[in-house]
C-alpha atoms as a PDB file:
ATOM      1  CA  MET A   1       0.000   0.000   0.000  1.00  0.00           C
ATOM      2  CA  ASP A   2       2.683   2.503   1.127  1.00  0.00           C
ATOM      3  CA  SER A   3       0.186   5.412   1.182  1.00  0.00           C
ATOM      4  CA  LYS A   4       1.301   8.338   3.343  1.00  0.00           C
ATOM      5  CA  ILE A   5      -0.705   9.376   6.382  1.00  0.00           C
ATOM      6  CA  LEU A   6       0.170  12.441   8.455  1.00  0.00           C
ATOM      7  CA  VAL A   7      -0.413  11.895  12.183  1.00  0.00           C
ATOM      8  CA  ALA A   8      -0.317  15.050  14.329  1.00  0.00           C
ATOM      9  CA  GLU A   9      -0.528  14.390  18.080  1.00  0.00           C
ATOM     10  CA  ASP A  10       1.408  16.105  20.865  1.00  0.00           C
ATOM     11  CA  GLU A  11       1.407  13.042  23.147  1.00  0.00           C
ATOM     12  CA  ALA A  12       4.307  10.968  21.860  1.00  0.00           C
ATOM     13  CA  LYS A  13       3.015   7.645  23.220  1.00  0.00           C
ATOM     14  CA  ILE A  14      -0.361   8.013  21.505  1.00  0.00           C
ATOM     15  CA  ARG A  15       1.244   9.222  18.276  1.00  0.00           C
ATOM     16  CA  GLN A  16       3.660   6.295  18.203  1.00  0.00           C
ATOM     17  CA  LEU A  17       0.922   3.795  19.047  1.00  0.00           C
ATOM     18  CA  VAL A  18      -1.290   5.035  16.210  1.00  0.00           C
ATOM     19  CA  ALA A  19       1.676   5.087  13.845  1.00  0.00           C
ATOM     20  CA  SER A  20       2.631   1.501  14.704  1.00  0.00           C
ATOM     21  CA  TYR A  21      -0.868   0.214  13.888  1.00  0.00           C
ATOM     22  CA  LEU A  22      -0.984   2.138  10.615  1.00  0.00           C
ATOM     23  CA  VAL A  23       2.454   0.883   9.580  1.00  0.00           C
ATOM     24  CA  ARG A  24       1.325  -2.664  10.391  1.00  0.00           C
ATOM     25  CA  GLU A  25      -1.516  -2.150   7.900  1.00  0.00           C
ATOM     26  CA  GLY A  26       0.889  -1.075   5.175  1.00  0.00           C
ATOM     27  CA  PHE A  27       0.724   2.704   5.477  1.00  0.00           C
ATOM     28  CA  LYS A  28       3.708   5.047   5.614  1.00  0.00           C
ATOM     29  CA  VAL A  29       3.385   7.488   8.526  1.00  0.00           C
ATOM     30  CA  ILE A  30       4.655  11.049   8.814  1.00  0.00           C
ATOM     31  CA  GLU A  31       4.566  12.337  12.395  1.00  0.00           C
ATOM     32  CA  ALA A  32       4.067  15.839  13.787  1.00  0.00           C
ATOM     33  CA  ALA A  33       4.047  16.935  17.436  1.00  0.00           C
ATOM     34  CA  ASP A  34       2.010  20.144  17.072  1.00  0.00           C
ATOM     35  CA  GLY A  35      -0.265  22.000  14.685  1.00  0.00           C
ATOM     36  CA  GLU A  36       2.414  24.192  13.132  1.00  0.00           C
ATOM     37  CA  GLU A  37       4.605  21.199  12.385  1.00  0.00           C
ATOM     38  CA  ALA A  38       1.577  19.362  10.961  1.00  0.00           C
ATOM     39  CA  VAL A  39       0.907  22.122   8.425  1.00  0.00           C
ATOM     40  CA  LYS A  40       4.587  22.288   7.464  1.00  0.00           C
ATOM     41  CA  ARG A  41       4.913  18.510   7.106  1.00  0.00           C
ATOM     42  CA  PHE A  42       1.778  18.484   4.956  1.00  0.00           C
ATOM     43  CA  GLU A  43       3.157  21.217   2.694  1.00  0.00           C
ATOM     44  CA  ASP A  44       6.408  19.250   2.341  1.00  0.00           C
ATOM     45  CA  ASN A  45       4.617  16.020   1.414  1.00  0.00           C
ATOM     46  CA  GLU A  46       2.177  16.558  -1.455  1.00  0.00           C
ATOM     47  CA  ASP A  47       1.368  12.835  -1.706  1.00  0.00           C
ATOM     48  CA  VAL A  48      -0.216  12.540   1.763  1.00  0.00           C
ATOM     49  CA  VAL A  49      -3.530  10.667   1.335  1.00  0.00           C
ATOM     50  CA  LEU A  50      -5.013  11.409   4.781  1.00  0.00           C
ATOM     51  CA  VAL A  51      -4.361  13.754   7.701  1.00  0.00           C
ATOM     52  CA  MET A  52      -5.058  12.836  11.327  1.00  0.00           C
ATOM     53  CA  LEU A  53      -5.132  15.808  13.733  1.00  0.00           C
ATOM     54  CA  ASP A  54      -5.432  15.910  17.507  1.00  0.00           C
ATOM     55  CA  VAL A  55      -7.560  18.875  18.573  1.00  0.00           C
ATOM     56  CA  MET A  56      -5.574  19.987  21.628  1.00  0.00           C
ATOM     57  CA  MET A  57      -2.028  20.704  20.420  1.00  0.00           C
ATOM     58  CA  PRO A  58       0.494  23.471  21.215  1.00  0.00           C
ATOM     59  CA  ASN A  59       1.496  26.300  18.845  1.00  0.00           C
ATOM     60  CA  LYS A  60      -1.509  25.703  16.582  1.00  0.00           C
ATOM     61  CA  ASP A  61      -4.467  23.591  17.651  1.00  0.00           C
ATOM     62  CA  GLY A  62      -6.102  20.933  15.488  1.00  0.00           C
ATOM     63  CA  TYR A  63      -8.973  23.177  14.392  1.00  0.00           C
ATOM     64  CA  ASP A  64      -6.626  25.854  13.063  1.00  0.00           C
ATOM     65  CA  ALA A  65      -4.388  23.263  11.421  1.00  0.00           C
ATOM     66  CA  CYS A  66      -7.460  21.665   9.841  1.00  0.00           C
ATOM     67  CA  ARG A  67      -8.707  24.974   8.482  1.00  0.00           C
ATOM     68  CA  GLU A  68      -5.296  25.840   7.037  1.00  0.00           C
ATOM     69  CA  ILE A  69      -4.798  22.431   5.412  1.00  0.00           C
ATOM     70  CA  ARG A  70      -8.350  22.448   4.056  1.00  0.00           C
ATOM     71  CA  SER A  71      -7.730  25.829   2.422  1.00  0.00           C
ATOM     72  CA  LYS A  72      -4.932  24.208   0.430  1.00  0.00           C
ATOM     73  CA  SER A  73      -6.287  20.727  -0.238  1.00  0.00           C
ATOM     74  CA  ASP A  74      -9.289  18.366  -0.307  1.00  0.00           C
ATOM     75  CA  VAL A  75      -7.293  15.648   1.470  1.00  0.00           C
ATOM     76  CA  PRO A  76      -9.434  13.625   3.946  1.00  0.00           C
ATOM     77  CA  ILE A  77      -9.005  14.905   7.511  1.00  0.00           C
ATOM     78  CA  LEU A  78      -9.791  12.883  10.636  1.00  0.00           C
ATOM     79  CA  MET A  79      -9.909  14.687  13.981  1.00  0.00           C
ATOM     80  CA  LEU A  80      -8.908  13.132  17.321  1.00  0.00           C
ATOM     81  CA  THR A  81     -10.117  14.624  20.572  1.00  0.00           C
ATOM     82  CA  ALA A  82     -10.606  13.918  24.257  1.00  0.00           C
ATOM     83  CA  ARG A  83     -13.622  16.251  24.214  1.00  0.00           C
ATOM     84  CA  ASP A  84     -16.478  14.007  23.177  1.00  0.00           C
ATOM     85  CA  SER A  85     -19.289  16.464  22.617  1.00  0.00           C
ATOM     86  CA  GLU A  86     -21.579  17.369  19.756  1.00  0.00           C
ATOM     87  CA  VAL A  87     -20.378  20.990  19.849  1.00  0.00           C
ATOM     88  CA  ASP A  88     -16.763  19.894  19.361  1.00  0.00           C
ATOM     89  CA  GLU A  89     -17.712  17.582  16.491  1.00  0.00           C
ATOM     90  CA  LEU A  90     -19.618  20.338  14.729  1.00  0.00           C
ATOM     91  CA  ALA A  91     -16.687  22.720  15.212  1.00  0.00           C
ATOM     92  CA  GLY A  92     -14.376  20.217  13.543  1.00  0.00           C
ATOM     93  CA  PHE A  93     -16.755  19.681  10.635  1.00  0.00           C
ATOM     94  CA  ARG A  94     -17.094  23.435  10.130  1.00  0.00           C
ATOM     95  CA  MET A  95     -13.305  23.669   9.818  1.00  0.00           C
ATOM     96  CA  GLY A  96     -13.420  21.073   7.042  1.00  0.00           C
ATOM     97  CA  ALA A  97     -12.889  17.774   8.875  1.00  0.00           C
ATOM     98  CA  ASP A  98     -14.386  14.654   7.287  1.00  0.00           C
ATOM     99  CA  GLU A  99     -14.393  12.326  10.277  1.00  0.00           C
ATOM    100  CA  TYR A 100     -14.165  12.548  14.042  1.00  0.00           C
ATOM    101  CA  ILE A 101     -13.146  10.044  16.716  1.00  0.00           C
ATOM    102  CA  ALA A 102     -13.068  10.568  20.482  1.00  0.00           C
ATOM    103  CA  LYS A 103     -10.402   9.419  22.928  1.00  0.00           C
ATOM    104  CA  PRO A 104      -9.911   6.891  24.327  1.00  0.00           C
ATOM    105  CA  PHE A 105     -10.229   4.787  21.215  1.00  0.00           C
ATOM    106  CA  SER A 106      -9.273   1.313  20.081  1.00  0.00           C
ATOM    107  CA  PRO A 107      -6.330   1.531  17.640  1.00  0.00           C
ATOM    108  CA  MET A 108      -7.970  -1.102  15.448  1.00  0.00           C
ATOM    109  CA  ILE A 109     -11.218   0.873  15.336  1.00  0.00           C
ATOM    110  CA  LEU A 110      -9.193   3.935  14.369  1.00  0.00           C
ATOM    111  CA  VAL A 111      -7.511   1.998  11.547  1.00  0.00           C
ATOM    112  CA  THR A 112     -10.928   0.842  10.359  1.00  0.00           C
ATOM    113  CA  ARG A 113     -12.197   4.433  10.333  1.00  0.00           C
ATOM    114  CA  VAL A 114      -9.121   5.469   8.334  1.00  0.00           C
ATOM    115  CA  LYS A 115      -9.728   2.749   5.744  1.00  0.00           C
ATOM    116  CA  ASN A 116     -13.435   3.616   5.512  1.00  0.00           C
ATOM    117  CA  LEU A 117     -12.661   7.294   5.031  1.00  0.00           C
ATOM    118  CA  LEU A 118     -10.115   6.536   2.330  1.00  0.00           C
ATOM    119  CA  ARG A 119     -12.551   4.191   0.610  1.00  0.00           C
ATOM    120  CA  ARG A 120     -15.279   6.852   0.608  1.00  0.00           C
ATOM    121  CA  THR A 121     -12.838   9.412  -0.767  1.00  0.00           C
ATOM    122  CA  THR A 122     -11.517   7.098  -3.477  1.00  0.00           C
ATOM    123  CA  SER A 123     -15.026   6.174  -4.604  1.00  0.00           C
ATOM    124  CA  ASN A 124     -16.046   9.869  -4.558  1.00  0.00           C
ATOM    125  CA  ASP A 125     -18.602   9.007  -1.891  1.00  0.00           C
ATOM    126  CA  MET A 126     -18.270  12.400  -0.235  1.00  0.00           C
ATOM    127  CA  SER A 127     -20.044  14.462  -2.863  1.00  0.00           C
ATOM    128  CA  ASP A 128     -23.175  16.497  -2.184  1.00  0.00           C
ATOM    129  CA  VAL A 129     -26.487  14.693  -2.717  1.00  0.00           C
ATOM    130  CA  SER A 130     -30.025  15.908  -3.277  1.00  0.00           C
ATOM    131  CA  VAL A 131     -33.478  14.529  -3.887  1.00  0.00           C
ATOM    132  CA  GLY A 132     -36.672  16.513  -4.210  1.00  0.00           C
ATOM    133  CA  GLY A 133     -36.331  19.566  -1.975  1.00  0.00           C
ATOM    134  CA  ILE A 134     -33.643  18.059   0.259  1.00  0.00           C
ATOM    135  CA  LYS A 135     -29.986  18.917  -0.276  1.00  0.00           C
ATOM    136  CA  VAL A 136     -27.203  17.382   1.811  1.00  0.00           C
ATOM    137  CA  LEU A 137     -23.936  19.310   1.443  1.00  0.00           C
ATOM    138  CA  TYR A 138     -21.243  16.942   2.632  1.00  0.00           C
ATOM    139  CA  ARG A 139     -18.237  19.224   3.033  1.00  0.00           C
ATOM    140  CA  GLU A 140     -20.311  21.925   4.709  1.00  0.00           C
ATOM    141  CA  ARG A 141     -22.125  19.374   6.903  1.00  0.00           C
ATOM    142  CA  THR A 142     -25.309  21.210   6.005  1.00  0.00           C
ATOM    143  CA  VAL A 143     -28.854  20.008   5.288  1.00  0.00           C
ATOM    144  CA  LEU A 144     -31.277  22.202   3.349  1.00  0.00           C
ATOM    145  CA  VAL A 145     -34.975  21.361   3.221  1.00  0.00           C
ATOM    146  CA  ASP A 146     -36.804  23.472   0.614  1.00  0.00           C
ATOM    147  CA  ASP A 147     -33.814  25.856   0.769  1.00  0.00           C
ATOM    148  CA  LYS A 148     -34.110  26.243   4.539  1.00  0.00           C
ATOM    149  CA  LYS A 149     -31.215  25.084   6.687  1.00  0.00           C
ATOM    150  CA  ILE A 150     -32.110  22.564   9.385  1.00  0.00           C
ATOM    151  CA  ILE A 151     -29.986  21.591  12.357  1.00  0.00           C
ATOM    152  CA  THR A 152     -28.937  17.952  12.630  1.00  0.00           C
ATOM    153  CA  THR A 153     -26.602  16.122  14.971  1.00  0.00           C
ATOM    154  CA  PRO A 154     -23.497  14.562  13.341  1.00  0.00           C
ATOM    155  CA  LYS A 155     -25.070  11.088  13.354  1.00  0.00           C
ATOM    156  CA  GLU A 156     -28.400  12.373  12.014  1.00  0.00           C
ATOM    157  CA  PHE A 157     -26.476  14.046   9.201  1.00  0.00           C
ATOM    158  CA  ASP A 158     -24.549  10.868   8.382  1.00  0.00           C
ATOM    159  CA  LEU A 159     -27.722   8.783   8.480  1.00  0.00           C
ATOM    160  CA  LEU A 160     -29.652  11.128   6.159  1.00  0.00           C
ATOM    161  CA  TYR A 161     -26.684  11.299   3.799  1.00  0.00           C
ATOM    162  CA  TYR A 162     -26.489   7.495   3.676  1.00  0.00           C
ATOM    163  CA  LEU A 163     -30.225   7.115   3.082  1.00  0.00           C
ATOM    164  CA  ILE A 164     -30.357   9.682   0.283  1.00  0.00           C
ATOM    165  CA  LYS A 165     -27.140   8.408  -1.278  1.00  0.00           C
ATOM    166  CA  ASN A 166     -29.005   5.114  -1.635  1.00  0.00           C
ATOM    167  CA  THR A 167     -32.417   6.467  -2.609  1.00  0.00           C
ATOM    168  CA  ASN A 168     -34.973   3.706  -3.260  1.00  0.00           C
ATOM    169  CA  ILE A 169     -32.592   1.033  -1.924  1.00  0.00           C
ATOM    170  CA  VAL A 170     -33.579  -0.874   1.217  1.00  0.00           C
ATOM    171  CA  LEU A 171     -30.813  -0.615   3.834  1.00  0.00           C
ATOM    172  CA  THR A 172     -30.761  -3.169   6.615  1.00  0.00           C
ATOM    173  CA  ARG A 173     -30.110  -2.130  10.180  1.00  0.00           C
ATOM    174  CA  ASP A 174     -26.860  -4.083   9.920  1.00  0.00           C
ATOM    175  CA  GLN A 175     -25.738  -1.931   6.978  1.00  0.00           C
ATOM    176  CA  ILE A 176     -26.811   1.283   8.684  1.00  0.00           C
ATOM    177  CA  ILE A 177     -25.023   0.506  11.960  1.00  0.00           C
ATOM    178  CA  CYS A 178     -21.842  -0.617  10.184  1.00  0.00           C
ATOM    179  CA  THR A 179     -21.734   2.415   7.883  1.00  0.00           C
ATOM    180  CA  VAL A 180     -23.007   5.261  10.056  1.00  0.00           C
ATOM    181  CA  TRP A 181     -21.718   4.095  13.440  1.00  0.00           C
ATOM    182  CA  ASP A 182     -18.704   2.079  12.201  1.00  0.00           C
ATOM    183  CA  MET A 183     -19.488  -0.836  14.469  1.00  0.00           C
ATOM    184  CA  ASP A 184     -20.887  -4.339  14.273  1.00  0.00           C
ATOM    185  CA  TYR A 185     -24.649  -4.768  14.520  1.00  0.00           C
ATOM    186  CA  ASN A 186     -25.622  -6.284  17.891  1.00  0.00           C
ATOM    187  CA  GLY A 187     -29.354  -6.612  17.391  1.00  0.00           C
ATOM    188  CA  ASP A 188     -30.268  -3.391  19.214  1.00  0.00           C
ATOM    189  CA  ASP A 189     -32.715  -1.499  16.993  1.00  0.00           C
ATOM    190  CA  ARG A 190     -33.194   1.440  19.309  1.00  0.00           C
ATOM    191  CA  THR A 191     -30.258   3.549  18.163  1.00  0.00           C
ATOM    192  CA  VAL A 192     -31.259   3.460  14.496  1.00  0.00           C
ATOM    193  CA  ASP A 193     -34.974   3.812  15.227  1.00  0.00           C
ATOM    194  CA  THR A 194     -34.431   6.808  17.505  1.00  0.00           C
ATOM    195  CA  HIS A 195     -32.332   8.632  14.920  1.00  0.00           C
ATOM    196  CA  ILE A 196     -34.866   7.864  12.183  1.00  0.00           C
ATOM    197  CA  LYS A 197     -37.630   9.290  14.372  1.00  0.00           C
ATOM    198  CA  CYS A 198     -35.619  12.481  14.959  1.00  0.00           C
ATOM    199  CA  LEU A 199     -34.845  12.853  11.249  1.00  0.00           C
ATOM    200  CA  ARG A 200     -38.490  12.476  10.302  1.00  0.00           C
ATOM    201  CA  ALA A 201     -39.387  15.229  12.744  1.00  0.00           C
ATOM    202  CA  LYS A 202     -36.834  17.577  11.188  1.00  0.00           C
ATOM    203  CA  ILE A 203     -37.434  17.118   7.455  1.00  0.00           C
ATOM    204  CA  GLY A 204     -41.094  18.087   7.530  1.00  0.00           C
ATOM    205  CA  ARG A 205     -43.170  17.052   4.532  1.00  0.00           C
ATOM    206  CA  TYR A 206     -40.439  14.641   3.415  1.00  0.00           C
ATOM    207  CA  SER A 207     -40.747  12.546   6.587  1.00  0.00           C
ATOM    208  CA  LYS A 208     -43.019  10.104   4.778  1.00  0.00           C
ATOM    209  CA  ASN A 209     -40.228   9.410   2.289  1.00  0.00           C
ATOM    210  CA  ILE A 210     -38.214   7.616   4.972  1.00  0.00           C
ATOM    211  CA  VAL A 211     -40.005   4.302   4.729  1.00  0.00           C
ATOM    212  CA  THR A 212     -39.840   1.535   7.330  1.00  0.00           C
ATOM    213  CA  VAL A 213     -39.357  -1.888   5.793  1.00  0.00           C
ATOM    214  CA  ARG A 214     -40.704  -4.193   8.480  1.00  0.00           C
ATOM    215  CA  LYS A 215     -38.170  -6.598  10.011  1.00  0.00           C
ATOM    216  CA  VAL A 216     -35.499  -5.392   7.577  1.00  0.00           C
ATOM    217  CA  GLY A 217     -34.589  -1.713   7.861  1.00  0.00           C
ATOM    218  CA  TYR A 218     -35.296   1.567   6.086  1.00  0.00           C
ATOM    219  CA  LYS A 219     -35.133   3.278   2.714  1.00  0.00           C
ATOM    220  CA  PHE A 220     -35.509   6.796   1.423  1.00  0.00           C
ATOM    221  CA  GLU A 221     -38.201   6.422  -1.210  1.00  0.00           C
ATOM    222  CA  TRP A 222     -38.550   8.910  -4.046  1.00  0.00           C
ATOM    223  CA  LEU A 223     -40.785   8.329  -7.046  1.00  0.00           C
ATOM    224  CA  GLU A 224     -40.537  10.831  -9.889  1.00  0.00           C
END
């Protein structure tokens, strides 16, 4: 594989641990200990395929580094943070991040998220999507319903994006959990069902287009 990944993390032990797992999977890792160094290392390595940024770093924090790198490139950016809150996630997405993972995390889960993000990027699965009066702007993490912006949580956004990306295709709960939550399905329907209920409440007259397929899952149905 030998694809380059830039890992910026001020805690050396965490940085080295992440790097060791990525190297084991065939990636080449470039390390940075702060935000300023991350931006410089990125500028010096044009063939970096993904950037991983810790939020809390000296000299330049992860948000600022993300914004600066995003102004120069569309490279996938994954944010790492110890602050697991919706506000922090939204802040990262506004700066141009594509993915977000909270500490503490399993290194293998992190590697899986990296591979998924690269796969989505390679297959151009991060483009904006629209159907009817709904527009989902991926990079901006914005949902417009009849040209009016609605507020969604990060997971609601990802779920709506996945449903509309697969309009008229039935998605099982297994597929939804694995794709949106990046975890194995354990038979608990409540997480998916709760998010579907919240989405329906937010998209107004299009709520009926999210169709429940009994004992299977859901689909976003749109008939011209």
